[in-house]
C-alpha cells in the first residue's frame, strides 16, 4: 500500500466503534488507513477543516483526495478499499439503499453506546473521559 491514507475519524471511547475498527483492520484494506480518535484534542487540532462537523455523532472518512463523508456515506466511501464489500459499492450508493442506509446508520450511531454495552448519555451530555493519545 502506498499513497495518502484514508483518514477515519471515529469515537475511540465507543466499544462498538472499536469493534468496527478491528473488523476493518482484519479484512485487509487495499489502501492505507489512518484511524483518528475524535476525542484526542491534540490530533483533532491537526484537522481544523473538520471543526464544524459532528465528528462525535458519527464516523467520518477523508479520502486521499480530501473529500469528507460522514455516517453511512463514509461507509460507501470506504467500500472500494474493503475487499469483502467492494463489489457492493454501486448498490450501497444507489438512491433507495442510501436512503435506508443513512437512516439505519443514524439509529445505530445514536445508540452506539447502548448497543456496545456502555452507559448511555443523559440529555445529550456524556461524561468526559481523559483524552488519550491516538493509536491509529
C-alpha atoms as a PDB file:
ATOM      1  CA  UNK A   1       0.000   0.000   0.000  1.00  0.00           C
ATOM      2  CA  UNK A   2       1.252   3.443  -0.818  1.00  0.00           C
ATOM      3  CA  UNK A   3      -0.031   6.964  -1.202  1.00  0.00           C
ATOM      4  CA  UNK A   4      -2.011   9.196   1.100  1.00  0.00           C
ATOM      5  CA  UNK A   5      -4.109   7.298   3.628  1.00  0.00           C
ATOM      6  CA  UNK A   6      -7.826   7.362   4.128  1.00  0.00           C
ATOM      7  CA  UNK A   7      -8.387   9.155   7.446  1.00  0.00           C
ATOM      8  CA  UNK A   8     -11.113   7.594   9.542  1.00  0.00           C
ATOM      9  CA  UNK A   9     -12.419   9.796  12.346  1.00  0.00           C
ATOM     10  CA  UNK A  10     -14.167   7.670  14.964  1.00  0.00           C
ATOM     11  CA  UNK A  11     -15.215   7.700  18.619  1.00  0.00           C
ATOM     12  CA  UNK A  12     -12.403   5.795  20.310  1.00  0.00           C
ATOM     13  CA  UNK A  13     -14.384   5.641  23.578  1.00  0.00           C
ATOM     14  CA  UNK A  14     -17.188   3.668  21.947  1.00  0.00           C
ATOM     15  CA  UNK A  15     -16.922  -0.131  22.192  1.00  0.00           C
ATOM     16  CA  UNK A  16     -18.992  -0.660  19.053  1.00  0.00           C
ATOM     17  CA  UNK A  17     -16.708   1.759  17.181  1.00  0.00           C
ATOM     18  CA  UNK A  18     -13.630  -0.070  18.479  1.00  0.00           C
ATOM     19  CA  UNK A  19     -15.054  -3.391  17.264  1.00  0.00           C
ATOM     20  CA  UNK A  20     -15.794  -1.846  13.868  1.00  0.00           C
ATOM     21  CA  UNK A  21     -12.202  -0.646  13.675  1.00  0.00           C
ATOM     22  CA  UNK A  22     -10.868  -4.127  14.413  1.00  0.00           C
ATOM     23  CA  UNK A  23     -13.184  -5.613  11.793  1.00  0.00           C
ATOM     24  CA  UNK A  24     -11.990  -3.166   9.123  1.00  0.00           C
ATOM     25  CA  UNK A  25      -8.362  -3.868  10.018  1.00  0.00           C
ATOM     26  CA  UNK A  26      -8.989  -7.627   9.843  1.00  0.00           C
ATOM     27  CA  UNK A  27     -10.419  -7.569   6.296  1.00  0.00           C
ATOM     28  CA  UNK A  28      -7.184  -6.091   4.945  1.00  0.00           C
ATOM     29  CA  UNK A  29      -7.942  -2.751   3.297  1.00  0.00           C
ATOM     30  CA  UNK A  30      -6.341  -2.346  -0.138  1.00  0.00           C
ATOM     31  CA  UNK A  31      -5.260   1.243   0.619  1.00  0.00           C
ATOM     32  CA  UNK A  32      -3.586   2.795   3.661  1.00  0.00           C
ATOM     33  CA  UNK A  33      -5.874   3.809   6.521  1.00  0.00           C
ATOM     34  CA  UNK A  34      -5.152   6.023   9.499  1.00  0.00           C
ATOM     35  CA  UNK A  35      -7.532   5.985  12.456  1.00  0.00           C
ATOM     36  CA  UNK A  36      -8.130   9.217  14.368  1.00  0.00           C
ATOM     37  CA  UNK A  37      -9.957   9.255  17.688  1.00  0.00           C
ATOM     38  CA  UNK A  38     -12.155  12.362  17.705  1.00  0.00           C
ATOM     39  CA  UNK A  39     -11.677  12.537  21.484  1.00  0.00           C
ATOM     40  CA  UNK A  40      -7.954  13.237  21.041  1.00  0.00           C
ATOM     41  CA  UNK A  41      -7.833  17.047  21.103  1.00  0.00           C
ATOM     42  CA  UNK A  42      -4.202  17.212  20.013  1.00  0.00           C
ATOM     43  CA  UNK A  43      -4.817  15.019  16.982  1.00  0.00           C
ATOM     44  CA  UNK A  44      -8.029  16.828  16.081  1.00  0.00           C
ATOM     45  CA  UNK A  45      -6.226  20.197  16.173  1.00  0.00           C
ATOM     46  CA  UNK A  46      -4.361  18.973  13.068  1.00  0.00           C
ATOM     47  CA  UNK A  47      -7.652  18.900  11.150  1.00  0.00           C
ATOM     48  CA  UNK A  48      -9.201  22.370  11.565  1.00  0.00           C
ATOM     49  CA  UNK A  49     -11.249  21.917   8.375  1.00  0.00           C
ATOM     50  CA  UNK A  50     -13.408  19.461  10.326  1.00  0.00           C
ATOM     51  CA  UNK A  51     -14.018  21.742  13.286  1.00  0.00           C
ATOM     52  CA  UNK A  52     -17.702  22.277  12.458  1.00  0.00           C
ATOM     53  CA  UNK A  53     -18.518  18.657  11.570  1.00  0.00           C
ATOM     54  CA  UNK A  54     -20.432  16.496  14.028  1.00  0.00           C
ATOM     55  CA  UNK A  55     -17.471  14.187  14.446  1.00  0.00           C
ATOM     56  CA  UNK A  56     -18.618  12.689  17.730  1.00  0.00           C
ATOM     57  CA  UNK A  57     -22.037  11.786  16.386  1.00  0.00           C
ATOM     58  CA  UNK A  58     -20.877   9.554  13.542  1.00  0.00           C
ATOM     59  CA  UNK A  59     -17.828   8.219  11.772  1.00  0.00           C
ATOM     60  CA  UNK A  60     -16.248  10.418   9.115  1.00  0.00           C
ATOM     61  CA  UNK A  61     -13.826   9.495   6.355  1.00  0.00           C
ATOM     62  CA  UNK A  62     -11.470  11.785   4.489  1.00  0.00           C
ATOM     63  CA  UNK A  63     -10.313  10.099   1.308  1.00  0.00           C
ATOM     64  CA  UNK A  64      -6.827  10.697  -0.141  1.00  0.00           C
ATOM     65  CA  UNK A  65      -8.247  13.474  -2.362  1.00  0.00           C
ATOM     66  CA  UNK A  66      -9.519  15.339   0.726  1.00  0.00           C
ATOM     67  CA  UNK A  67     -13.224  14.565   0.212  1.00  0.00           C
ATOM     68  CA  UNK A  68     -15.007  14.174   3.575  1.00  0.00           C
ATOM     69  CA  UNK A  69     -18.004  11.877   4.064  1.00  0.00           C
ATOM     70  CA  UNK A  70     -19.906  11.142   7.242  1.00  0.00           C
ATOM     71  CA  UNK A  71     -22.110   8.367   8.567  1.00  0.00           C
ATOM     72  CA  UNK A  72     -23.423   5.914   6.001  1.00  0.00           C
ATOM     73  CA  UNK A  73     -21.752   7.901   3.225  1.00  0.00           C
ATOM     74  CA  UNK A  74     -18.413   7.268   4.970  1.00  0.00           C
ATOM     75  CA  UNK A  75     -19.076   3.529   4.676  1.00  0.00           C
ATOM     76  CA  UNK A  76     -19.797   3.964   0.969  1.00  0.00           C
ATOM     77  CA  UNK A  77     -16.533   5.913   0.597  1.00  0.00           C
ATOM     78  CA  UNK A  78     -14.589   3.074   2.267  1.00  0.00           C
ATOM     79  CA  UNK A  79     -16.283   0.254   0.346  1.00  0.00           C
ATOM     80  CA  UNK A  80     -13.883   0.248  -2.638  1.00  0.00           C
ATOM     81  CA  UNK A  81     -10.891  -0.483  -0.383  1.00  0.00           C
ATOM     82  CA  UNK A  82     -12.575  -3.173   1.728  1.00  0.00           C
ATOM     83  CA  UNK A  83     -12.412  -6.430  -0.261  1.00  0.00           C
ATOM     84  CA  UNK A  84     -15.472  -8.159   1.287  1.00  0.00           C
ATOM     85  CA  UNK A  85     -17.801  -5.279   0.349  1.00  0.00           C
ATOM     86  CA  UNK A  86     -16.035  -3.591  -2.585  1.00  0.00           C
ATOM     87  CA  UNK A  87     -18.390  -5.279  -5.038  1.00  0.00           C
ATOM     88  CA  UNK A  88     -21.378  -3.746  -3.195  1.00  0.00           C
ATOM     89  CA  UNK A  89     -20.324  -0.112  -3.650  1.00  0.00           C
ATOM     90  CA  UNK A  90     -22.683   0.515  -6.587  1.00  0.00           C
ATOM     91  CA  UNK A  91     -25.630  -0.939  -4.722  1.00  0.00           C
ATOM     92  CA  UNK A  92     -24.693   0.877  -1.499  1.00  0.00           C
ATOM     93  CA  UNK A  93     -24.640   4.183  -3.380  1.00  0.00           C
ATOM     94  CA  UNK A  94     -27.983   3.691  -5.129  1.00  0.00           C
ATOM     95  CA  UNK A  95     -30.744   6.051  -4.048  1.00  0.00           C
ATOM     96  CA  UNK A  96     -33.050   3.584  -2.227  1.00  0.00           C
ATOM     97  CA  UNK A  97     -30.238   1.770  -0.425  1.00  0.00           C
ATOM     98  CA  UNK A  98     -28.531   5.057   0.523  1.00  0.00           C
ATOM     99  CA  UNK A  99     -31.860   6.395   1.840  1.00  0.00           C
ATOM    100  CA  UNK A 100     -32.350   3.346   4.068  1.00  0.00           C
ATOM    101  CA  UNK A 101     -28.644   3.073   4.933  1.00  0.00           C
ATOM    102  CA  UNK A 102     -28.488   6.646   6.220  1.00  0.00           C
ATOM    103  CA  UNK A 103     -31.456   6.110   8.500  1.00  0.00           C
ATOM    104  CA  UNK A 104     -30.174   2.786   9.830  1.00  0.00           C
ATOM    105  CA  UNK A 105     -26.676   4.205  10.343  1.00  0.00           C
ATOM    106  CA  UNK A 106     -28.082   7.257  12.162  1.00  0.00           C
ATOM    107  CA  UNK A 107     -30.056   4.991  14.545  1.00  0.00           C
ATOM    108  CA  UNK A 108     -27.007   2.819  15.231  1.00  0.00           C
ATOM    109  CA  UNK A 109     -24.764   5.875  15.740  1.00  0.00           C
ATOM    110  CA  UNK A 110     -27.262   7.430  18.152  1.00  0.00           C
ATOM    111  CA  UNK A 111     -27.472   4.182  20.133  1.00  0.00           C
ATOM    112  CA  UNK A 112     -23.844   3.034  19.783  1.00  0.00           C
ATOM    113  CA  UNK A 113     -23.031   3.209  23.489  1.00  0.00           C
ATOM    114  CA  UNK A 114     -26.096   1.207  24.479  1.00  0.00           C
ATOM    115  CA  UNK A 115     -25.503  -1.338  21.676  1.00  0.00           C
ATOM    116  CA  UNK A 116     -21.873  -1.634  22.798  1.00  0.00           C
ATOM    117  CA  UNK A 117     -22.919  -2.308  26.393  1.00  0.00           C
ATOM    118  CA  UNK A 118     -21.877   1.084  27.767  1.00  0.00           C
ATOM    119  CA  UNK A 119     -23.860   3.623  29.780  1.00  0.00           C
ATOM    120  CA  UNK A 120     -25.837   5.946  27.537  1.00  0.00           C
ATOM    121  CA  UNK A 121     -25.604   9.709  27.609  1.00  0.00           C
ATOM    122  CA  UNK A 122     -28.250  11.622  29.530  1.00  0.00           C
ATOM    123  CA  UNK A 123     -29.836  14.688  27.989  1.00  0.00           C
ATOM    124  CA  UNK A 124     -27.285  14.741  25.179  1.00  0.00           C
ATOM    125  CA  UNK A 125     -24.366  15.042  27.609  1.00  0.00           C
ATOM    126  CA  UNK A 126     -21.894  12.223  28.128  1.00  0.00           C
ATOM    127  CA  UNK A 127     -19.349  12.053  30.917  1.00  0.00           C
ATOM    128  CA  UNK A 128     -15.992  13.401  29.866  1.00  0.00           C
ATOM    129  CA  UNK A 129     -13.089  10.998  29.847  1.00  0.00           C
ATOM    130  CA  UNK A 130      -9.424  11.941  29.847  1.00  0.00           C
ATOM    131  CA  UNK A 131      -8.105  12.396  26.344  1.00  0.00           C
ATOM    132  CA  UNK A 132      -5.679   9.728  25.302  1.00  0.00           C
ATOM    133  CA  UNK A 133      -3.129   9.795  22.512  1.00  0.00           C
ATOM    134  CA  UNK A 134      -4.307   8.329  19.240  1.00  0.00           C
ATOM    135  CA  UNK A 135      -3.026   4.888  18.352  1.00  0.00           C
ATOM    136  CA  UNK A 136      -4.001   4.981  14.703  1.00  0.00           C
END
